[in-house]
Amino acid sequence: MQISTSQKLSLLSAIFVASLIAANLLGVKITTLLGISVSVGIFAYPITFLITDSIEEVFGKKPATHLMYSALIAQILVFIIIVIAIKLPSSERYEFNDEYVIIFSSSLRIIIASIIAFFLSQTHDIWAFNFWKKQTNGKFLWLRNNLSTIASQFLDTTIFMFIAFYNISPKFDSAFIFSLIIPYWLFKVAFALIDTPLVYALVWWLKKDKHD
């Protein structure tokens, strides 16, 4: 079965938005990897950079930008729906409203932080990938992918951490926030390096039998 270009882009767009929403809603849970506390969202969010870089490599800056704005609208819509869901009174039959409100209220600040960090970091990633593509004359995909993603992930992590956690308690001052940013960002760098073969595979798949 042959998959058209539009079908491939639709599939990647769905995965992109799903990864983003999953990272936002599930990101309030903290786990420990190699002795470092990180959000479980770290497993979903790097997928977004993988997809935008692959799409930009094959189709250019415009489709990647369109995808980014579509995902931004999806995030805002989810935020509005969560606010409405929290505010609506619960049925007497529903026994877990307090827990529901606690979990999803915690997600609201996370989602606000994510929306802002996402927009700024993805805008930078799309620009940086395009910049390095011109500088390398379209060669060294691995270099362009990692240079743009690593810088953008640092921007994303810094903006997100400060908006989401700064001053939520006296402990969360600037110094403590940066102590969280560096190891969290290094995990993202590791993910970016590991997924480099996936970028090549995805680019190959998008170019294969390319047609409308």
N, C-alpha and C. Protein backbone atom coordinates (compact mmCIF):
# COMPACT_ATOMS: atom_id res chain seq x y z
N MET A 1 0.84 -1.20 0.00
CA MET A 1 0.00 0.00 0.00
C MET A 1 0.87 1.24 0.00
N GLN A 2 0.62 2.12 -0.96
CA GLN A 2 1.42 3.33 -1.07
C GLN A 2 0.78 4.45 -0.26
N ILE A 3 1.60 5.14 0.52
CA ILE A 3 1.09 6.24 1.35
C ILE A 3 1.47 7.56 0.69
N SER A 4 0.50 8.42 0.51
CA SER A 4 0.76 9.70 -0.14
C SER A 4 1.48 10.65 0.81
N THR A 5 2.05 11.69 0.25
CA THR A 5 2.75 12.70 1.05
C THR A 5 1.81 13.34 2.05
N SER A 6 0.61 13.67 1.63
CA SER A 6 -0.35 14.30 2.53
C SER A 6 -0.71 13.37 3.69
N GLN A 7 -0.81 12.07 3.43
CA GLN A 7 -1.11 11.11 4.49
C GLN A 7 0.05 11.00 5.48
N LYS A 8 1.27 11.03 4.95
CA LYS A 8 2.44 10.99 5.84
C LYS A 8 2.47 12.22 6.75
N LEU A 9 2.20 13.38 6.17
CA LEU A 9 2.22 14.62 6.95
C LEU A 9 1.09 14.62 7.98
N SER A 10 -0.06 14.08 7.62
CA SER A 10 -1.17 14.00 8.57
C SER A 10 -0.82 13.09 9.75
N LEU A 11 -0.18 11.96 9.43
CA LEU A 11 0.22 11.03 10.48
C LEU A 11 1.24 11.66 11.42
N LEU A 12 2.25 12.33 10.86
CA LEU A 12 3.26 12.98 11.69
C LEU A 12 2.66 14.11 12.50
N SER A 13 1.71 14.82 11.93
CA SER A 13 1.05 15.91 12.67
C SER A 13 0.30 15.35 13.87
N ALA A 14 -0.37 14.21 13.68
CA ALA A 14 -1.11 13.58 14.79
C ALA A 14 -0.15 13.14 15.89
N ILE A 15 0.98 12.53 15.50
CA ILE A 15 1.98 12.10 16.49
C ILE A 15 2.57 13.31 17.21
N PHE A 16 2.82 14.37 16.46
CA PHE A 16 3.38 15.60 17.03
C PHE A 16 2.47 16.17 18.11
N VAL A 17 1.20 16.34 17.78
CA VAL A 17 0.25 16.92 18.73
C VAL A 17 0.03 15.98 19.92
N ALA A 18 -0.06 14.68 19.65
CA ALA A 18 -0.25 13.71 20.73
C ALA A 18 0.93 13.73 21.71
N SER A 19 2.14 13.82 21.19
CA SER A 19 3.34 13.87 22.04
C SER A 19 3.34 15.12 22.89
N LEU A 20 2.95 16.21 22.29
CA LEU A 20 2.93 17.48 22.99
C LEU A 20 1.90 17.49 24.12
N ILE A 21 0.68 17.04 23.81
CA ILE A 21 -0.37 17.02 24.82
C ILE A 21 -0.03 16.02 25.93
N ALA A 22 0.53 14.87 25.55
CA ALA A 22 0.93 13.87 26.55
C ALA A 22 1.97 14.44 27.50
N ALA A 23 2.95 15.15 26.95
CA ALA A 23 4.00 15.75 27.78
C ALA A 23 3.40 16.76 28.76
N ASN A 24 2.41 17.52 28.30
CA ASN A 24 1.79 18.53 29.16
C ASN A 24 0.96 17.92 30.28
N LEU A 25 0.10 16.97 29.92
CA LEU A 25 -0.83 16.41 30.89
C LEU A 25 -0.15 15.44 31.86
N LEU A 26 0.85 14.71 31.38
CA LEU A 26 1.52 13.73 32.23
C LEU A 26 2.75 14.27 32.93
N GLY A 27 3.16 15.47 32.51
CA GLY A 27 4.43 16.02 32.98
C GLY A 27 4.49 16.40 34.45
N VAL A 28 3.34 16.42 35.13
CA VAL A 28 3.36 16.78 36.56
C VAL A 28 3.99 15.68 37.40
N LYS A 29 4.06 14.46 36.85
CA LYS A 29 4.69 13.37 37.61
C LYS A 29 6.21 13.42 37.41
N ILE A 30 6.93 13.29 38.51
CA ILE A 30 8.39 13.30 38.49
C ILE A 30 8.90 11.89 38.74
N THR A 31 9.84 11.48 37.92
CA THR A 31 10.49 10.18 38.11
C THR A 31 11.99 10.42 38.30
N THR A 32 12.72 9.35 38.53
CA THR A 32 14.16 9.46 38.73
C THR A 32 14.89 8.60 37.71
N LEU A 33 15.77 9.23 36.95
CA LEU A 33 16.59 8.53 35.96
C LEU A 33 18.06 8.80 36.28
N LEU A 34 18.80 7.73 36.51
CA LEU A 34 20.23 7.85 36.84
C LEU A 34 20.46 8.80 38.01
N GLY A 35 19.53 8.75 38.98
CA GLY A 35 19.67 9.55 40.18
C GLY A 35 19.22 11.00 40.03
N ILE A 36 18.65 11.35 38.87
CA ILE A 36 18.22 12.73 38.61
C ILE A 36 16.71 12.76 38.46
N SER A 37 16.08 13.71 39.15
CA SER A 37 14.63 13.85 39.07
C SER A 37 14.24 14.57 37.78
N VAL A 38 13.39 13.92 36.98
CA VAL A 38 12.93 14.51 35.73
C VAL A 38 11.44 14.24 35.56
N SER A 39 10.78 15.09 34.78
CA SER A 39 9.37 14.88 34.46
C SER A 39 9.24 13.71 33.50
N VAL A 40 8.15 12.95 33.65
CA VAL A 40 7.93 11.85 32.72
C VAL A 40 7.64 12.36 31.31
N GLY A 41 7.35 13.66 31.19
CA GLY A 41 7.14 14.27 29.88
C GLY A 41 8.38 14.24 29.00
N ILE A 42 9.54 13.96 29.61
CA ILE A 42 10.79 13.94 28.85
C ILE A 42 10.79 12.83 27.79
N PHE A 43 9.92 11.84 27.96
CA PHE A 43 9.87 10.75 26.99
C PHE A 43 9.05 11.11 25.75
N ALA A 44 8.18 12.09 25.88
CA ALA A 44 7.29 12.45 24.77
C ALA A 44 7.74 13.71 24.04
N TYR A 45 8.20 14.71 24.78
CA TYR A 45 8.44 16.02 24.17
C TYR A 45 9.54 16.03 23.09
N PRO A 46 10.65 15.30 23.26
CA PRO A 46 11.70 15.32 22.22
C PRO A 46 11.21 14.86 20.85
N ILE A 47 10.12 14.10 20.81
CA ILE A 47 9.58 13.63 19.53
C ILE A 47 9.20 14.82 18.65
N THR A 48 8.75 15.92 19.28
CA THR A 48 8.30 17.08 18.50
C THR A 48 9.44 17.69 17.69
N PHE A 49 10.63 17.77 18.26
CA PHE A 49 11.77 18.33 17.54
C PHE A 49 12.21 17.40 16.41
N LEU A 50 12.13 16.11 16.68
CA LEU A 50 12.46 15.12 15.66
C LEU A 50 11.56 15.29 14.43
N ILE A 51 10.28 15.51 14.67
CA ILE A 51 9.32 15.62 13.57
C ILE A 51 9.48 16.93 12.81
N THR A 52 9.61 18.05 13.52
CA THR A 52 9.73 19.33 12.81
C THR A 52 11.01 19.39 11.98
N ASP A 53 12.10 18.86 12.51
CA ASP A 53 13.36 18.87 11.75
C ASP A 53 13.25 18.01 10.50
N SER A 54 12.60 16.86 10.62
CA SER A 54 12.45 15.96 9.48
C SER A 54 11.56 16.58 8.40
N ILE A 55 10.47 17.19 8.83
CA ILE A 55 9.57 17.83 7.88
C ILE A 55 10.25 19.01 7.20
N GLU A 56 10.98 19.80 7.97
CA GLU A 56 11.67 20.95 7.39
C GLU A 56 12.76 20.52 6.41
N GLU A 57 13.42 19.42 6.72
CA GLU A 57 14.47 18.92 5.83
C GLU A 57 13.91 18.55 4.47
N VAL A 58 12.73 17.93 4.44
CA VAL A 58 12.16 17.44 3.19
C VAL A 58 11.30 18.48 2.48
N PHE A 59 10.50 19.21 3.25
CA PHE A 59 9.49 20.10 2.65
C PHE A 59 9.76 21.59 2.84
N GLY A 60 10.74 21.91 3.68
CA GLY A 60 11.07 23.31 3.88
C GLY A 60 10.49 23.90 5.16
N LYS A 61 10.74 25.16 5.36
CA LYS A 61 10.40 25.86 6.60
C LYS A 61 8.90 26.06 6.78
N LYS A 62 8.18 26.32 5.68
CA LYS A 62 6.76 26.68 5.77
C LYS A 62 5.89 25.58 6.38
N PRO A 63 5.97 24.32 5.90
CA PRO A 63 5.14 23.26 6.51
C PRO A 63 5.48 23.02 7.98
N ALA A 64 6.75 23.12 8.34
CA ALA A 64 7.14 22.95 9.74
C ALA A 64 6.54 24.05 10.61
N THR A 65 6.52 25.27 10.08
CA THR A 65 5.93 26.39 10.81
C THR A 65 4.42 26.22 10.96
N HIS A 66 3.77 25.75 9.90
CA HIS A 66 2.33 25.50 9.97
C HIS A 66 2.01 24.45 11.03
N LEU A 67 2.84 23.40 11.10
CA LEU A 67 2.63 22.36 12.09
C LEU A 67 2.78 22.93 13.50
N MET A 68 3.77 23.76 13.68
CA MET A 68 4.01 24.37 14.99
C MET A 68 2.81 25.21 15.44
N TYR A 69 2.25 26.01 14.54
CA TYR A 69 1.10 26.84 14.89
C TYR A 69 -0.15 25.99 15.14
N SER A 70 -0.32 24.92 14.40
CA SER A 70 -1.45 24.02 14.63
C SER A 70 -1.37 23.41 16.03
N ALA A 71 -0.17 22.99 16.41
CA ALA A 71 0.03 22.40 17.73
C ALA A 71 -0.16 23.44 18.83
N LEU A 72 0.22 24.66 18.56
CA LEU A 72 0.03 25.75 19.53
C LEU A 72 -1.46 25.95 19.79
N ILE A 73 -2.26 25.97 18.73
CA ILE A 73 -3.71 26.11 18.87
C ILE A 73 -4.29 24.94 19.66
N ALA A 74 -3.79 23.73 19.39
CA ALA A 74 -4.26 22.54 20.11
C ALA A 74 -3.97 22.67 21.60
N GLN A 75 -2.79 23.15 21.95
CA GLN A 75 -2.44 23.34 23.35
C GLN A 75 -3.37 24.33 24.04
N ILE A 76 -3.63 25.43 23.36
CA ILE A 76 -4.51 26.46 23.93
C ILE A 76 -5.91 25.91 24.13
N LEU A 77 -6.39 25.13 23.15
CA LEU A 77 -7.71 24.52 23.25
C LEU A 77 -7.79 23.56 24.43
N VAL A 78 -6.77 22.73 24.59
CA VAL A 78 -6.74 21.79 25.72
C VAL A 78 -6.74 22.55 27.05
N PHE A 79 -6.00 23.63 27.12
CA PHE A 79 -5.95 24.46 28.32
C PHE A 79 -7.35 24.98 28.66
N ILE A 80 -8.05 25.51 27.67
CA ILE A 80 -9.40 26.05 27.89
C ILE A 80 -10.35 24.95 28.37
N ILE A 81 -10.27 23.79 27.73
CA ILE A 81 -11.14 22.67 28.11
C ILE A 81 -10.86 22.22 29.54
N ILE A 82 -9.59 22.18 29.93
CA ILE A 82 -9.24 21.78 31.30
C ILE A 82 -9.80 22.77 32.31
N VAL A 83 -9.69 24.06 32.01
CA VAL A 83 -10.23 25.09 32.92
C VAL A 83 -11.73 24.89 33.10
N ILE A 84 -12.45 24.68 31.99
CA ILE A 84 -13.90 24.46 32.06
C ILE A 84 -14.21 23.20 32.86
N ALA A 85 -13.45 22.12 32.61
CA ALA A 85 -13.68 20.85 33.30
C ALA A 85 -13.49 20.99 34.81
N ILE A 86 -12.49 21.77 35.21
CA ILE A 86 -12.22 21.98 36.63
C ILE A 86 -13.33 22.78 37.30
N LYS A 87 -13.81 23.79 36.59
CA LYS A 87 -14.81 24.70 37.16
C LYS A 87 -16.21 24.09 37.23
N LEU A 88 -16.52 23.16 36.32
CA LEU A 88 -17.85 22.56 36.33
C LEU A 88 -18.07 21.75 37.61
N PRO A 89 -19.27 21.86 38.22
CA PRO A 89 -19.54 21.05 39.42
C PRO A 89 -19.62 19.57 39.06
N SER A 90 -19.19 18.74 39.99
CA SER A 90 -19.20 17.30 39.73
C SER A 90 -20.53 16.68 40.15
N SER A 91 -20.84 15.57 39.54
CA SER A 91 -22.03 14.82 39.92
C SER A 91 -21.81 14.19 41.30
N GLU A 92 -22.88 13.97 42.01
CA GLU A 92 -22.78 13.32 43.32
C GLU A 92 -22.21 11.91 43.18
N ARG A 93 -22.39 11.32 42.01
CA ARG A 93 -21.90 9.96 41.78
C ARG A 93 -20.39 9.92 41.59
N TYR A 94 -19.80 11.07 41.30
CA TYR A 94 -18.35 11.10 41.04
C TYR A 94 -17.62 11.38 42.35
N GLU A 95 -16.83 10.43 42.81
CA GLU A 95 -16.23 10.50 44.14
C GLU A 95 -14.83 11.11 44.17
N PHE A 96 -14.27 11.39 43.02
CA PHE A 96 -12.86 11.78 43.01
C PHE A 96 -12.64 13.20 42.50
N ASN A 97 -13.63 14.08 42.71
CA ASN A 97 -13.51 15.43 42.18
C ASN A 97 -12.33 16.19 42.79
N ASP A 98 -12.11 16.02 44.09
CA ASP A 98 -11.00 16.73 44.75
C ASP A 98 -9.67 16.32 44.13
N GLU A 99 -9.49 15.01 43.94
CA GLU A 99 -8.26 14.52 43.33
C GLU A 99 -8.13 15.00 41.87
N TYR A 100 -9.26 15.00 41.18
CA TYR A 100 -9.30 15.47 39.79
C TYR A 100 -8.84 16.92 39.70
N VAL A 101 -9.39 17.74 40.58
CA VAL A 101 -9.05 19.17 40.58
C VAL A 101 -7.58 19.37 40.93
N ILE A 102 -7.08 18.62 41.92
CA ILE A 102 -5.67 18.76 42.31
C ILE A 102 -4.74 18.43 41.15
N ILE A 103 -5.00 17.31 40.48
CA ILE A 103 -4.14 16.88 39.38
C ILE A 103 -4.18 17.86 38.23
N PHE A 104 -5.38 18.21 37.78
CA PHE A 104 -5.48 19.04 36.59
C PHE A 104 -5.23 20.52 36.88
N SER A 105 -5.43 20.96 38.13
CA SER A 105 -5.04 22.33 38.48
C SER A 105 -3.53 22.46 38.43
N SER A 106 -2.83 21.42 38.86
CA SER A 106 -1.37 21.42 38.78
C SER A 106 -0.92 21.47 37.33
N SER A 107 -1.70 20.85 36.46
CA SER A 107 -1.35 20.84 35.04
C SER A 107 -1.49 22.20 34.38
N LEU A 108 -2.34 23.07 34.94
CA LEU A 108 -2.60 24.36 34.29
C LEU A 108 -1.34 25.22 34.18
N ARG A 109 -0.62 25.35 35.29
CA ARG A 109 0.61 26.15 35.24
C ARG A 109 1.64 25.48 34.34
N ILE A 110 1.67 24.15 34.37
CA ILE A 110 2.57 23.40 33.49
C ILE A 110 2.24 23.68 32.03
N ILE A 111 0.95 23.68 31.70
CA ILE A 111 0.54 23.89 30.32
C ILE A 111 0.84 25.32 29.87
N ILE A 112 0.60 26.31 30.74
CA ILE A 112 0.94 27.69 30.40
C ILE A 112 2.43 27.82 30.11
N ALA A 113 3.23 27.24 31.00
CA ALA A 113 4.68 27.26 30.81
C ALA A 113 5.06 26.55 29.52
N SER A 114 4.40 25.44 29.26
CA SER A 114 4.72 24.66 28.06
C SER A 114 4.34 25.40 26.79
N ILE A 115 3.19 26.08 26.80
CA ILE A 115 2.74 26.82 25.62
C ILE A 115 3.76 27.89 25.23
N ILE A 116 4.19 28.65 26.23
CA ILE A 116 5.15 29.74 25.97
C ILE A 116 6.50 29.18 25.54
N ALA A 117 6.99 28.18 26.30
CA ALA A 117 8.29 27.59 25.99
C ALA A 117 8.26 26.89 24.64
N PHE A 118 7.16 26.21 24.36
CA PHE A 118 7.01 25.51 23.08
C PHE A 118 7.09 26.49 21.91
N PHE A 119 6.33 27.55 21.98
CA PHE A 119 6.29 28.51 20.88
C PHE A 119 7.67 29.12 20.62
N LEU A 120 8.34 29.55 21.68
CA LEU A 120 9.64 30.20 21.52
C LEU A 120 10.72 29.21 21.07
N SER A 121 10.73 28.03 21.67
CA SER A 121 11.79 27.06 21.34
C SER A 121 11.58 26.46 19.94
N GLN A 122 10.33 26.19 19.57
CA GLN A 122 10.09 25.63 18.24
C GLN A 122 10.33 26.68 17.15
N THR A 123 9.99 27.92 17.45
CA THR A 123 10.30 29.00 16.49
C THR A 123 11.81 29.09 16.27
N HIS A 124 12.55 29.00 17.38
CA HIS A 124 14.01 29.03 17.27
C HIS A 124 14.53 27.80 16.53
N ASP A 125 13.96 26.62 16.83
CA ASP A 125 14.43 25.39 16.21
C ASP A 125 14.24 25.43 14.69
N ILE A 126 13.08 25.89 14.25
CA ILE A 126 12.80 25.97 12.81
C ILE A 126 13.74 26.96 12.15
N TRP A 127 13.96 28.10 12.82
CA TRP A 127 14.89 29.10 12.27
C TRP A 127 16.31 28.55 12.23
N ALA A 128 16.75 27.93 13.34
CA ALA A 128 18.13 27.45 13.44
C ALA A 128 18.40 26.33 12.45
N PHE A 129 17.45 25.42 12.29
CA PHE A 129 17.63 24.32 11.33
C PHE A 129 17.79 24.89 9.92
N ASN A 130 16.97 25.86 9.57
CA ASN A 130 17.04 26.49 8.26
C ASN A 130 18.37 27.23 8.08
N PHE A 131 18.81 27.89 9.16
CA PHE A 131 20.09 28.63 9.12
C PHE A 131 21.25 27.68 8.87
N TRP A 132 21.31 26.58 9.62
CA TRP A 132 22.40 25.63 9.47
C TRP A 132 22.32 24.86 8.16
N LYS A 133 21.12 24.70 7.63
CA LYS A 133 20.98 24.03 6.34
C LYS A 133 21.62 24.88 5.24
N LYS A 134 21.44 26.20 5.34
CA LYS A 134 22.05 27.09 4.37
C LYS A 134 23.57 27.12 4.54
N GLN A 135 24.02 27.13 5.79
CA GLN A 135 25.46 27.18 6.08
C GLN A 135 26.18 25.92 5.61
N THR A 136 25.49 24.79 5.65
CA THR A 136 26.12 23.51 5.26
C THR A 136 25.76 23.09 3.84
N ASN A 137 25.07 23.98 3.12
CA ASN A 137 24.65 23.68 1.74
C ASN A 137 23.84 22.39 1.64
N GLY A 138 22.99 22.18 2.64
CA GLY A 138 22.12 21.01 2.63
C GLY A 138 22.79 19.71 3.01
N LYS A 139 24.04 19.77 3.48
CA LYS A 139 24.76 18.56 3.88
C LYS A 139 24.76 18.43 5.41
N PHE A 140 25.28 17.30 5.89
CA PHE A 140 25.46 17.07 7.33
C PHE A 140 24.15 17.23 8.11
N LEU A 141 23.16 16.44 7.73
CA LEU A 141 21.87 16.48 8.42
C LEU A 141 22.02 16.25 9.91
N TRP A 142 22.88 15.33 10.29
CA TRP A 142 23.09 15.02 11.71
C TRP A 142 23.55 16.25 12.48
N LEU A 143 24.40 17.07 11.86
CA LEU A 143 24.92 18.26 12.52
C LEU A 143 23.83 19.31 12.66
N ARG A 144 23.08 19.53 11.58
CA ARG A 144 22.03 20.54 11.60
C ARG A 144 20.93 20.17 12.60
N ASN A 145 20.57 18.90 12.59
CA ASN A 145 19.55 18.42 13.51
C ASN A 145 19.95 18.63 14.96
N ASN A 146 21.18 18.26 15.29
CA ASN A 146 21.61 18.35 16.68
C ASN A 146 21.92 19.78 17.13
N LEU A 147 22.52 20.59 16.26
CA LEU A 147 22.79 21.96 16.64
C LEU A 147 21.50 22.74 16.92
N SER A 148 20.53 22.57 16.05
CA SER A 148 19.27 23.30 16.24
C SER A 148 18.49 22.76 17.44
N THR A 149 18.46 21.44 17.59
CA THR A 149 17.67 20.84 18.67
C THR A 149 18.29 21.10 20.04
N ILE A 150 19.60 20.95 20.16
CA ILE A 150 20.25 21.12 21.46
C ILE A 150 20.09 22.55 21.98
N ALA A 151 20.28 23.53 21.10
CA ALA A 151 20.10 24.93 21.51
C ALA A 151 18.64 25.21 21.85
N SER A 152 17.74 24.70 21.03
CA SER A 152 16.31 24.94 21.25
C SER A 152 15.81 24.26 22.52
N GLN A 153 16.35 23.08 22.81
CA GLN A 153 15.96 22.37 24.03
C GLN A 153 16.43 23.12 25.27
N PHE A 154 17.58 23.77 25.19
CA PHE A 154 18.04 24.57 26.34
C PHE A 154 17.11 25.77 26.55
N LEU A 155 16.74 26.41 25.45
CA LEU A 155 15.80 27.53 25.52
C LEU A 155 14.47 27.06 26.09
N ASP A 156 13.98 25.94 25.60
CA ASP A 156 12.70 25.40 26.07
C ASP A 156 12.76 25.06 27.56
N THR A 157 13.81 24.37 27.97
CA THR A 157 13.93 23.95 29.37
C THR A 157 14.02 25.14 30.31
N THR A 158 14.80 26.13 29.95
CA THR A 158 14.97 27.31 30.81
C THR A 158 13.68 28.09 30.96
N ILE A 159 13.02 28.37 29.86
CA ILE A 159 11.76 29.12 29.90
C ILE A 159 10.69 28.33 30.66
N PHE A 160 10.59 27.04 30.36
CA PHE A 160 9.59 26.21 31.00
C PHE A 160 9.80 26.14 32.51
N MET A 161 11.02 25.86 32.93
CA MET A 161 11.30 25.70 34.36
C MET A 161 10.99 26.96 35.15
N PHE A 162 11.36 28.11 34.62
CA PHE A 162 11.13 29.35 35.36
C PHE A 162 9.65 29.69 35.45
N ILE A 163 8.92 29.50 34.36
CA ILE A 163 7.49 29.81 34.40
C ILE A 163 6.73 28.79 35.25
N ALA A 164 7.09 27.53 35.12
CA ALA A 164 6.35 26.47 35.81
C ALA A 164 6.65 26.39 37.30
N PHE A 165 7.90 26.65 37.70
CA PHE A 165 8.29 26.34 39.08
C PHE A 165 8.89 27.48 39.88
N TYR A 166 9.24 28.58 39.23
CA TYR A 166 9.91 29.65 39.98
C TYR A 166 9.00 30.16 41.09
N ASN A 167 9.55 30.18 42.30
CA ASN A 167 8.89 30.75 43.48
C ASN A 167 7.63 30.00 43.91
N ILE A 168 7.46 28.73 43.50
CA ILE A 168 6.31 27.99 44.01
C ILE A 168 6.50 27.68 45.50
N SER A 169 7.74 27.77 45.95
CA SER A 169 8.08 27.71 47.37
C SER A 169 9.42 28.44 47.52
N PRO A 170 9.79 28.84 48.74
CA PRO A 170 11.06 29.56 48.91
C PRO A 170 12.27 28.84 48.35
N LYS A 171 12.20 27.52 48.30
CA LYS A 171 13.31 26.71 47.79
C LYS A 171 13.56 26.96 46.31
N PHE A 172 12.51 27.27 45.56
CA PHE A 172 12.61 27.38 44.11
C PHE A 172 13.03 28.79 43.68
N ASP A 173 14.26 29.15 44.07
CA ASP A 173 14.82 30.43 43.62
C ASP A 173 15.58 30.19 42.32
N SER A 174 16.22 31.25 41.80
CA SER A 174 16.90 31.15 40.51
C SER A 174 18.00 30.09 40.51
N ALA A 175 18.79 30.07 41.59
CA ALA A 175 19.90 29.11 41.67
C ALA A 175 19.39 27.68 41.65
N PHE A 176 18.32 27.42 42.40
CA PHE A 176 17.78 26.07 42.45
C PHE A 176 17.16 25.68 41.12
N ILE A 177 16.48 26.62 40.47
CA ILE A 177 15.89 26.34 39.16
C ILE A 177 16.97 25.95 38.16
N PHE A 178 18.09 26.68 38.16
CA PHE A 178 19.18 26.33 37.23
C PHE A 178 19.81 24.98 37.57
N SER A 179 19.79 24.61 38.86
CA SER A 179 20.31 23.29 39.23
C SER A 179 19.41 22.19 38.69
N LEU A 180 18.14 22.52 38.42
CA LEU A 180 17.23 21.57 37.80
C LEU A 180 17.36 21.59 36.27
N ILE A 181 17.59 22.78 35.73
CA ILE A 181 17.64 22.95 34.28
C ILE A 181 18.78 22.15 33.65
N ILE A 182 19.98 22.26 34.21
CA ILE A 182 21.16 21.67 33.57
C ILE A 182 21.05 20.16 33.40
N PRO A 183 20.77 19.38 34.47
CA PRO A 183 20.67 17.92 34.25
C PRO A 183 19.49 17.54 33.36
N TYR A 184 18.37 18.28 33.48
CA TYR A 184 17.20 18.00 32.66
C TYR A 184 17.51 18.24 31.19
N TRP A 185 18.23 19.32 30.92
CA TRP A 185 18.63 19.65 29.55
C TRP A 185 19.61 18.61 29.01
N LEU A 186 20.52 18.15 29.86
CA LEU A 186 21.49 17.15 29.42
C LEU A 186 20.80 15.84 29.02
N PHE A 187 19.71 15.49 29.72
CA PHE A 187 18.93 14.33 29.31
C PHE A 187 18.35 14.55 27.92
N LYS A 188 17.86 15.75 27.66
CA LYS A 188 17.30 16.07 26.35
C LYS A 188 18.39 16.03 25.28
N VAL A 189 19.59 16.49 25.62
CA VAL A 189 20.72 16.41 24.68
C VAL A 189 20.99 14.95 24.33
N ALA A 190 20.97 14.09 25.35
CA ALA A 190 21.21 12.66 25.11
C ALA A 190 20.14 12.08 24.19
N PHE A 191 18.89 12.46 24.43
CA PHE A 191 17.80 11.99 23.57
C PHE A 191 18.01 12.48 22.14
N ALA A 192 18.45 13.73 21.99
CA ALA A 192 18.67 14.30 20.65
C ALA A 192 19.75 13.53 19.90
N LEU A 193 20.82 13.18 20.60
CA LEU A 193 21.91 12.42 19.97
C LEU A 193 21.46 11.00 19.62
N ILE A 194 20.70 10.40 20.52
CA ILE A 194 20.24 9.03 20.30
C ILE A 194 19.27 8.94 19.12
N ASP A 195 18.42 9.98 18.99
CA ASP A 195 17.40 9.89 17.93
C ASP A 195 17.90 10.34 16.56
N THR A 196 19.20 10.65 16.42
CA THR A 196 19.75 11.06 15.12
C THR A 196 19.48 10.03 14.02
N PRO A 197 19.67 8.73 14.26
CA PRO A 197 19.33 7.76 13.22
C PRO A 197 17.85 7.80 12.84
N LEU A 198 17.00 8.14 13.80
CA LEU A 198 15.57 8.23 13.53
C LEU A 198 15.26 9.38 12.58
N VAL A 199 16.03 10.46 12.68
CA VAL A 199 15.86 11.59 11.77
C VAL A 199 16.15 11.14 10.35
N TYR A 200 17.26 10.43 10.17
CA TYR A 200 17.61 9.93 8.84
C TYR A 200 16.54 8.97 8.31
N ALA A 201 16.03 8.11 9.18
CA ALA A 201 15.01 7.15 8.77
C ALA A 201 13.72 7.86 8.38
N LEU A 202 13.36 8.87 9.17
CA LEU A 202 12.13 9.61 8.90
C LEU A 202 12.24 10.43 7.62
N VAL A 203 13.39 11.04 7.40
CA VAL A 203 13.62 11.80 6.17
C VAL A 203 13.55 10.87 4.96
N TRP A 204 14.18 9.70 5.09
CA TRP A 204 14.13 8.71 3.99
C TRP A 204 12.69 8.31 3.70
N TRP A 205 11.89 8.08 4.76
CA TRP A 205 10.49 7.66 4.60
C TRP A 205 9.67 8.75 3.93
N LEU A 206 9.92 10.01 4.31
CA LEU A 206 9.17 11.12 3.72
C LEU A 206 9.52 11.33 2.24
N LYS A 207 10.78 11.06 1.91
CA LYS A 207 11.21 11.23 0.52
C LYS A 207 10.82 10.06 -0.37
N LYS A 208 10.65 8.89 0.25
CA LYS A 208 10.34 7.66 -0.50
C LYS A 208 8.98 7.79 -1.17
N ASP A 209 8.96 7.54 -2.45
CA ASP A 209 7.70 7.59 -3.21
C ASP A 209 6.97 8.91 -2.99
N LYS A 210 7.72 9.98 -2.93
CA LYS A 210 7.15 11.29 -2.64
C LYS A 210 6.21 11.71 -3.77
N HIS A 211 4.94 11.91 -3.40
CA HIS A 211 3.95 12.37 -4.36
C HIS A 211 2.77 12.96 -3.59
N ASP A 212 1.91 13.65 -4.28
CA ASP A 212 0.76 14.29 -3.63
C ASP A 212 -0.36 13.27 -3.39
